[in-house]
């Protein structure tokens, strides 16, 4: 309940009519209430803005995550589609991933990862490298060195140690190594040549290699 102070009745001031005094007091009260209401409204708007900013940030993160997942799925399916499948005989399938890549000197290489299965069993997983021009010569018997971006080193055994179809053709056993390769960072192949060269294998190719491994495994479970 609003208490109204009594008007001063001093001789130096003429008395204010009671109705006018009440009106002035109510006006002041309304002004104070309006100021408080405006301040509260300002606080409320500020709070809503903070909440909206957080919600917008969360929404952007969620959309980015969904787009990333969608991209990864689409890319994996695309990589799976690039894997070639060939029927070699009754119950025997050959899966291949073929790419033309350049080494650190600019020379072109045919890079073929293949997996051969028969009656649901893996016969081999190998990486064949064919160098151009034909003057390139592999040091057969030497291992292929694979280096990851983190500095991890893997070595693949030479499958043509005893006999090679040509000097510029190398083939290396990858059955134990392929599952260890990363798919989020490129790897480097150190080619065992008389003049060593380095071949970078980018992430898309690594994803395709993994899809080749997966596509063969689908057959093993009777889904292919």
C-alpha atoms as a PDB file:
ATOM      1  CA  UNK A   1       0.000   0.000   0.000  1.00  0.00           C
ATOM      2  CA  UNK A   2       1.420   3.357  -1.080  1.00  0.00           C
ATOM      3  CA  UNK A   3       1.859   5.820   1.769  1.00  0.00           C
ATOM      4  CA  UNK A   4       1.551   9.465   0.786  1.00  0.00           C
ATOM      5  CA  UNK A   5       3.582  11.981   2.790  1.00  0.00           C
ATOM      6  CA  UNK A   6       1.690  14.997   3.957  1.00  0.00           C
ATOM      7  CA  UNK A   7       2.333  18.211   2.042  1.00  0.00           C
ATOM      8  CA  UNK A   8       4.483  20.812   3.752  1.00  0.00           C
ATOM      9  CA  UNK A   9       2.546  23.722   5.230  1.00  0.00           C
ATOM     10  CA  UNK A  10       5.490  26.101   5.684  1.00  0.00           C
ATOM     11  CA  UNK A  11       4.893  29.846   5.301  1.00  0.00           C
ATOM     12  CA  UNK A  12       7.465  30.158   2.506  1.00  0.00           C
ATOM     13  CA  UNK A  13       5.512  27.825   0.197  1.00  0.00           C
ATOM     14  CA  UNK A  14       1.937  27.919  -0.869  1.00  0.00           C
ATOM     15  CA  UNK A  15       0.123  24.680  -0.122  1.00  0.00           C
ATOM     16  CA  UNK A  16      -0.263  22.198  -3.050  1.00  0.00           C
ATOM     17  CA  UNK A  17      -3.767  20.968  -3.647  1.00  0.00           C
ATOM     18  CA  UNK A  18      -4.172  17.447  -2.397  1.00  0.00           C
ATOM     19  CA  UNK A  19      -5.406  16.081  -5.740  1.00  0.00           C
ATOM     20  CA  UNK A  20      -2.417  17.579  -7.548  1.00  0.00           C
ATOM     21  CA  UNK A  21      -0.079  16.188  -4.917  1.00  0.00           C
ATOM     22  CA  UNK A  22      -1.585  12.722  -5.335  1.00  0.00           C
ATOM     23  CA  UNK A  23      -1.253  12.962  -9.115  1.00  0.00           C
ATOM     24  CA  UNK A  24       2.419  13.970  -8.865  1.00  0.00           C
ATOM     25  CA  UNK A  25       3.134  11.157  -6.416  1.00  0.00           C
ATOM     26  CA  UNK A  26       1.419   8.586  -8.619  1.00  0.00           C
ATOM     27  CA  UNK A  27       3.344   9.901 -11.654  1.00  0.00           C
ATOM     28  CA  UNK A  28       6.641   9.535  -9.789  1.00  0.00           C
ATOM     29  CA  UNK A  29       5.688   6.033  -8.695  1.00  0.00           C
ATOM     30  CA  UNK A  30       4.806   5.103 -12.264  1.00  0.00           C
ATOM     31  CA  UNK A  31       8.137   6.495 -13.484  1.00  0.00           C
ATOM     32  CA  UNK A  32      10.043   4.438 -10.917  1.00  0.00           C
ATOM     33  CA  UNK A  33       8.036   1.313 -11.795  1.00  0.00           C
ATOM     34  CA  UNK A  34       8.619   1.921 -15.496  1.00  0.00           C
ATOM     35  CA  UNK A  35      12.366   2.294 -14.927  1.00  0.00           C
ATOM     36  CA  UNK A  36      12.463  -0.957 -12.952  1.00  0.00           C
ATOM     37  CA  UNK A  37      10.371  -2.693 -15.586  1.00  0.00           C
ATOM     38  CA  UNK A  38      12.666  -1.446 -18.352  1.00  0.00           C
ATOM     39  CA  UNK A  39      15.701  -2.692 -16.449  1.00  0.00           C
ATOM     40  CA  UNK A  40      14.117  -6.100 -15.910  1.00  0.00           C
ATOM     41  CA  UNK A  41      13.145  -6.241 -19.576  1.00  0.00           C
ATOM     42  CA  UNK A  42      16.727  -5.397 -20.537  1.00  0.00           C
ATOM     43  CA  UNK A  43      18.042  -8.211 -18.318  1.00  0.00           C
ATOM     44  CA  UNK A  44      15.511 -10.601 -19.833  1.00  0.00           C
ATOM     45  CA  UNK A  45      16.457  -9.665 -23.413  1.00  0.00           C
ATOM     46  CA  UNK A  46      20.154 -10.074 -22.568  1.00  0.00           C
ATOM     47  CA  UNK A  47      19.481 -13.513 -21.088  1.00  0.00           C
ATOM     48  CA  UNK A  48      17.441 -14.556 -24.125  1.00  0.00           C
ATOM     49  CA  UNK A  49      20.254 -13.394 -26.424  1.00  0.00           C
ATOM     50  CA  UNK A  50      22.788 -15.501 -24.520  1.00  0.00           C
ATOM     51  CA  UNK A  51      20.532 -18.547 -24.674  1.00  0.00           C
ATOM     52  CA  UNK A  52      19.913 -18.026 -28.389  1.00  0.00           C
ATOM     53  CA  UNK A  53      23.649 -17.680 -29.090  1.00  0.00           C
ATOM     54  CA  UNK A  54      24.365 -20.931 -27.260  1.00  0.00           C
ATOM     55  CA  UNK A  55      21.518 -22.656 -29.057  1.00  0.00           C
ATOM     56  CA  UNK A  56      22.749 -21.344 -32.421  1.00  0.00           C
ATOM     57  CA  UNK A  57      26.289 -22.542 -31.660  1.00  0.00           C
ATOM     58  CA  UNK A  58      24.999 -25.979 -30.662  1.00  0.00           C
ATOM     59  CA  UNK A  59      22.858 -26.101 -33.803  1.00  0.00           C
ATOM     60  CA  UNK A  60      25.846 -25.217 -36.022  1.00  0.00           C
ATOM     61  CA  UNK A  61      27.981 -27.893 -34.355  1.00  0.00           C
ATOM     62  CA  UNK A  62      25.221 -30.473 -34.815  1.00  0.00           C
ATOM     63  CA  UNK A  63      24.713 -29.565 -38.487  1.00  0.00           C
ATOM     64  CA  UNK A  64      28.481 -29.678 -39.109  1.00  0.00           C
ATOM     65  CA  UNK A  65      28.691 -33.098 -37.447  1.00  0.00           C
ATOM     66  CA  UNK A  66      25.802 -34.455 -39.528  1.00  0.00           C
ATOM     67  CA  UNK A  67      27.341 -33.077 -42.727  1.00  0.00           C
ATOM     68  CA  UNK A  68      30.682 -34.652 -41.805  1.00  0.00           C
ATOM     69  CA  UNK A  69      29.067 -38.034 -41.139  1.00  0.00           C
ATOM     70  CA  UNK A  70      27.108 -37.778 -44.384  1.00  0.00           C
ATOM     71  CA  UNK A  71      30.291 -36.929 -46.292  1.00  0.00           C
ATOM     72  CA  UNK A  72      32.174 -39.853 -44.760  1.00  0.00           C
ATOM     73  CA  UNK A  73      29.369 -42.284 -45.609  1.00  0.00           C
ATOM     74  CA  UNK A  74      29.030 -40.979 -49.167  1.00  0.00           C
ATOM     75  CA  UNK A  75      32.788 -41.054 -49.639  1.00  0.00           C
ATOM     76  CA  UNK A  76      33.045 -44.601 -48.304  1.00  0.00           C
ATOM     77  CA  UNK A  77      30.269 -45.751 -50.622  1.00  0.00           C
ATOM     78  CA  UNK A  78      31.961 -43.997 -53.546  1.00  0.00           C
ATOM     79  CA  UNK A  79      35.238 -45.695 -52.682  1.00  0.00           C
ATOM     80  CA  UNK A  80      33.439 -49.024 -52.501  1.00  0.00           C
ATOM     81  CA  UNK A  81      32.019 -48.404 -55.978  1.00  0.00           C
ATOM     82  CA  UNK A  82      35.545 -47.769 -57.347  1.00  0.00           C
ATOM     83  CA  UNK A  83      36.728 -51.189 -56.183  1.00  0.00           C
ATOM     84  CA  UNK A  84      36.770 -53.602 -59.109  1.00  0.00           C
ATOM     85  CA  UNK A  85      35.531 -57.155 -58.743  1.00  0.00           C
ATOM     86  CA  UNK A  86      36.490 -59.934 -61.127  1.00  0.00           C
ATOM     87  CA  UNK A  87      35.440 -63.576 -61.169  1.00  0.00           C
ATOM     88  CA  UNK A  88      38.584 -65.601 -61.914  1.00  0.00           C
ATOM     89  CA  UNK A  89      37.061 -69.046 -61.635  1.00  0.00           C
ATOM     90  CA  UNK A  90      34.539 -71.125 -59.691  1.00  0.00           C
ATOM     91  CA  UNK A  91      34.428 -69.686 -56.167  1.00  0.00           C
ATOM     92  CA  UNK A  92      37.430 -67.409 -56.785  1.00  0.00           C
ATOM     93  CA  UNK A  93      37.113 -63.608 -56.768  1.00  0.00           C
ATOM     94  CA  UNK A  94      39.647 -60.845 -57.318  1.00  0.00           C
ATOM     95  CA  UNK A  95      39.114 -57.339 -55.867  1.00  0.00           C
ATOM     96  CA  UNK A  96      41.274 -54.508 -57.202  1.00  0.00           C
ATOM     97  CA  UNK A  97      41.926 -50.846 -56.475  1.00  0.00           C
ATOM     98  CA  UNK A  98      43.852 -49.089 -59.281  1.00  0.00           C
ATOM     99  CA  UNK A  99      45.390 -45.619 -59.265  1.00  0.00           C
ATOM    100  CA  UNK A 100      48.026 -43.652 -61.175  1.00  0.00           C
ATOM    101  CA  UNK A 101      50.182 -41.618 -58.782  1.00  0.00           C
ATOM    102  CA  UNK A 102      53.364 -39.563 -59.114  1.00  0.00           C
ATOM    103  CA  UNK A 103      56.451 -39.967 -56.954  1.00  0.00           C
ATOM    104  CA  UNK A 104      58.660 -37.193 -55.584  1.00  0.00           C
ATOM    105  CA  UNK A 105      60.510 -36.935 -58.912  1.00  0.00           C
ATOM    106  CA  UNK A 106      57.336 -36.567 -60.985  1.00  0.00           C
ATOM    107  CA  UNK A 107      57.422 -40.081 -62.469  1.00  0.00           C
ATOM    108  CA  UNK A 108      54.104 -41.912 -62.823  1.00  0.00           C
ATOM    109  CA  UNK A 109      53.340 -45.188 -61.071  1.00  0.00           C
ATOM    110  CA  UNK A 110      50.492 -47.609 -61.475  1.00  0.00           C
ATOM    111  CA  UNK A 111      49.458 -48.550 -57.944  1.00  0.00           C
ATOM    112  CA  UNK A 112      47.275 -51.655 -57.684  1.00  0.00           C
ATOM    113  CA  UNK A 113      46.113 -53.148 -54.401  1.00  0.00           C
ATOM    114  CA  UNK A 114      44.326 -56.457 -54.885  1.00  0.00           C
ATOM    115  CA  UNK A 115      42.797 -59.176 -52.760  1.00  0.00           C
ATOM    116  CA  UNK A 116      42.152 -62.689 -53.996  1.00  0.00           C
ATOM    117  CA  UNK A 117      39.717 -65.007 -52.211  1.00  0.00           C
ATOM    118  CA  UNK A 118      38.596 -68.538 -52.985  1.00  0.00           C
ATOM    119  CA  UNK A 119      35.635 -70.296 -51.401  1.00  0.00           C
ATOM    120  CA  UNK A 120      35.467 -67.603 -48.730  1.00  0.00           C
ATOM    121  CA  UNK A 121      39.142 -67.829 -47.771  1.00  0.00           C
ATOM    122  CA  UNK A 122      41.714 -65.106 -48.399  1.00  0.00           C
ATOM    123  CA  UNK A 123      44.538 -66.324 -50.610  1.00  0.00           C
ATOM    124  CA  UNK A 124      46.511 -63.082 -50.720  1.00  0.00           C
ATOM    125  CA  UNK A 125      46.439 -59.307 -50.348  1.00  0.00           C
ATOM    126  CA  UNK A 126      49.206 -57.655 -52.327  1.00  0.00           C
ATOM    127  CA  UNK A 127      50.303 -54.251 -53.573  1.00  0.00           C
ATOM    128  CA  UNK A 128      51.687 -54.123 -57.105  1.00  0.00           C
ATOM    129  CA  UNK A 129      53.735 -51.131 -58.247  1.00  0.00           C
ATOM    130  CA  UNK A 130      54.566 -50.562 -61.903  1.00  0.00           C
ATOM    131  CA  UNK A 131      56.984 -47.759 -62.711  1.00  0.00           C
ATOM    132  CA  UNK A 132      57.107 -45.624 -65.845  1.00  0.00           C
ATOM    133  CA  UNK A 133      59.288 -45.230 -67.790  1.00  0.00           C
ATOM    134  CA  UNK A 134      60.588 -48.793 -67.976  1.00  0.00           C
ATOM    135  CA  UNK A 135      64.113 -47.751 -67.016  1.00  0.00           C
ATOM    136  CA  UNK A 136      63.110 -48.028 -63.366  1.00  0.00           C
ATOM    137  CA  UNK A 137      64.470 -51.170 -61.692  1.00  0.00           C
ATOM    138  CA  UNK A 138      63.413 -52.653 -58.342  1.00  0.00           C
ATOM    139  CA  UNK A 139      65.902 -54.160 -55.905  1.00  0.00           C
ATOM    140  CA  UNK A 140      64.118 -57.465 -55.459  1.00  0.00           C
ATOM    141  CA  UNK A 141      64.470 -59.075 -52.076  1.00  0.00           C
ATOM    142  CA  UNK A 142      64.296 -55.697 -50.349  1.00  0.00           C
ATOM    143  CA  UNK A 143      61.190 -54.790 -48.353  1.00  0.00           C
ATOM    144  CA  UNK A 144      58.847 -51.927 -49.145  1.00  0.00           C
ATOM    145  CA  UNK A 145      59.012 -49.359 -46.333  1.00  0.00           C
ATOM    146  CA  UNK A 146      55.759 -47.653 -45.324  1.00  0.00           C
ATOM    147  CA  UNK A 147      55.900 -44.552 -43.107  1.00  0.00           C
ATOM    148  CA  UNK A 148      52.843 -42.943 -41.488  1.00  0.00           C
ATOM    149  CA  UNK A 149      52.432 -39.258 -40.655  1.00  0.00           C
ATOM    150  CA  UNK A 150      53.152 -40.121 -37.001  1.00  0.00           C
ATOM    151  CA  UNK A 151      56.492 -41.681 -37.901  1.00  0.00           C
ATOM    152  CA  UNK A 152      55.423 -45.307 -37.550  1.00  0.00           C
ATOM    153  CA  UNK A 153      57.301 -47.595 -39.938  1.00  0.00           C
ATOM    154  CA  UNK A 154      55.958 -50.799 -41.481  1.00  0.00           C
ATOM    155  CA  UNK A 155      57.767 -53.122 -43.887  1.00  0.00           C
ATOM    156  CA  UNK A 156      56.095 -55.224 -46.575  1.00  0.00           C
ATOM    157  CA  UNK A 157      57.800 -58.385 -47.822  1.00  0.00           C
ATOM    158  CA  UNK A 158      58.756 -58.649 -51.502  1.00  0.00           C
ATOM    159  CA  UNK A 159      56.481 -61.149 -53.264  1.00  0.00           C
ATOM    160  CA  UNK A 160      58.748 -61.130 -56.339  1.00  0.00           C
ATOM    161  CA  UNK A 161      61.967 -61.844 -54.454  1.00  0.00           C
ATOM    162  CA  UNK A 162      62.728 -64.944 -56.550  1.00  0.00           C
ATOM    163  CA  UNK A 163      61.249 -63.944 -59.891  1.00  0.00           C
ATOM    164  CA  UNK A 164      59.701 -60.768 -61.295  1.00  0.00           C
ATOM    165  CA  UNK A 165      57.711 -60.364 -64.546  1.00  0.00           C
ATOM    166  CA  UNK A 166      59.713 -57.196 -65.302  1.00  0.00           C
ATOM    167  CA  UNK A 167      62.400 -55.035 -63.723  1.00  0.00           C
ATOM    168  CA  UNK A 168      60.008 -52.092 -63.273  1.00  0.00           C
ATOM    169  CA  UNK A 169      57.350 -54.204 -61.497  1.00  0.00           C
ATOM    170  CA  UNK A 170      57.314 -54.745 -57.758  1.00  0.00           C
ATOM    171  CA  UNK A 171      54.780 -56.620 -55.647  1.00  0.00           C
ATOM    172  CA  UNK A 172      54.560 -56.699 -51.853  1.00  0.00           C
ATOM    173  CA  UNK A 173      52.561 -58.720 -49.337  1.00  0.00           C
ATOM    174  CA  UNK A 174      49.992 -56.542 -47.525  1.00  0.00           C
ATOM    175  CA  UNK A 175      47.720 -59.011 -45.754  1.00  0.00           C
ATOM    176  CA  UNK A 176      49.101 -58.269 -42.276  1.00  0.00           C
ATOM    177  CA  UNK A 177      49.868 -54.608 -42.983  1.00  0.00           C
ATOM    178  CA  UNK A 178      46.631 -53.355 -44.552  1.00  0.00           C
ATOM    179  CA  UNK A 179      44.593 -53.467 -41.297  1.00  0.00           C
ATOM    180  CA  UNK A 180      47.317 -51.382 -39.601  1.00  0.00           C
ATOM    181  CA  UNK A 181      47.239 -48.521 -42.105  1.00  0.00           C
ATOM    182  CA  UNK A 182      45.594 -45.243 -41.026  1.00  0.00           C
ATOM    183  CA  UNK A 183      42.685 -43.738 -42.960  1.00  0.00           C
ATOM    184  CA  UNK A 184      42.830 -40.202 -41.519  1.00  0.00           C
ATOM    185  CA  UNK A 185      46.336 -39.340 -42.718  1.00  0.00           C
ATOM    186  CA  UNK A 186      48.442 -40.015 -45.789  1.00  0.00           C
ATOM    187  CA  UNK A 187      51.282 -42.524 -45.848  1.00  0.00           C
ATOM    188  CA  UNK A 188      54.579 -42.576 -47.724  1.00  0.00           C
ATOM    189  CA  UNK A 189      56.047 -45.522 -49.592  1.00  0.00           C
ATOM    190  CA  UNK A 190      59.838 -45.684 -49.827  1.00  0.00           C
ATOM    191  CA  UNK A 191      60.410 -47.640 -53.015  1.00  0.00           C
ATOM    192  CA  UNK A 192      63.376 -50.061 -52.968  1.00  0.00           C
ATOM    193  CA  UNK A 193      65.121 -48.869 -56.131  1.00  0.00           C
ATOM    194  CA  UNK A 194      68.758 -48.285 -57.000  1.00  0.00           C
ATOM    195  CA  UNK A 195      67.944 -44.583 -56.619  1.00  0.00           C
ATOM    196  CA  UNK A 196      65.281 -44.597 -53.858  1.00  0.00           C
ATOM    197  CA  UNK A 197      62.060 -42.710 -54.536  1.00  0.00           C
ATOM    198  CA  UNK A 198      59.083 -41.828 -52.393  1.00  0.00           C
ATOM    199  CA  UNK A 199      55.438 -42.228 -53.286  1.00  0.00           C
ATOM    200  CA  UNK A 200      52.688 -40.483 -51.311  1.00  0.00           C
ATOM    201  CA  UNK A 201      49.421 -42.398 -50.840  1.00  0.00           C
ATOM    202  CA  UNK A 202      46.611 -39.892 -50.110  1.00  0.00           C
ATOM    203  CA  UNK A 203      43.672 -40.437 -47.769  1.00  0.00           C
ATOM    204  CA  UNK A 204      41.074 -41.144 -50.521  1.00  0.00           C
ATOM    205  CA  UNK A 205      43.202 -44.021 -51.814  1.00  0.00           C
ATOM    206  CA  UNK A 206      43.656 -45.402 -48.291  1.00  0.00           C
ATOM    207  CA  UNK A 207      39.889 -45.300 -47.777  1.00  0.00           C
ATOM    208  CA  UNK A 208      39.435 -47.193 -51.016  1.00  0.00           C
ATOM    209  CA  UNK A 209      41.950 -49.785 -49.860  1.00  0.00           C
ATOM    210  CA  UNK A 210      39.965 -50.277 -46.673  1.00  0.00           C
ATOM    211  CA  UNK A 211      36.739 -50.536 -48.677  1.00  0.00           C
ATOM    212  CA  UNK A 212      38.406 -53.259 -50.747  1.00  0.00           C
ATOM    213  CA  UNK A 213      39.144 -55.123 -47.532  1.00  0.00           C
ATOM    214  CA  UNK A 214      35.536 -54.616 -46.412  1.00  0.00           C
ATOM    215  CA  UNK A 215      34.006 -55.641 -49.748  1.00  0.00           C
ATOM    216  CA  UNK A 216      35.882 -58.915 -49.601  1.00  0.00           C
ATOM    217  CA  UNK A 217      34.774 -59.488 -46.003  1.00  0.00           C
ATOM    218  CA  UNK A 218      31.148 -58.969 -47.032  1.00  0.00           C
ATOM    219  CA  UNK A 219      31.538 -62.021 -49.232  1.00  0.00           C
ATOM    220  CA  UNK A 220      32.886 -63.993 -46.301  1.00  0.00           C
ATOM    221  CA  UNK A 221      29.720 -63.368 -44.296  1.00  0.00           C
ATOM    222  CA  UNK A 222      27.504 -64.387 -47.202  1.00  0.00           C
ATOM    223  CA  UNK A 223      26.193 -60.857 -47.797  1.00  0.00           C
ATOM    224  CA  UNK A 224      27.794 -60.320 -51.193  1.00  0.00           C
END
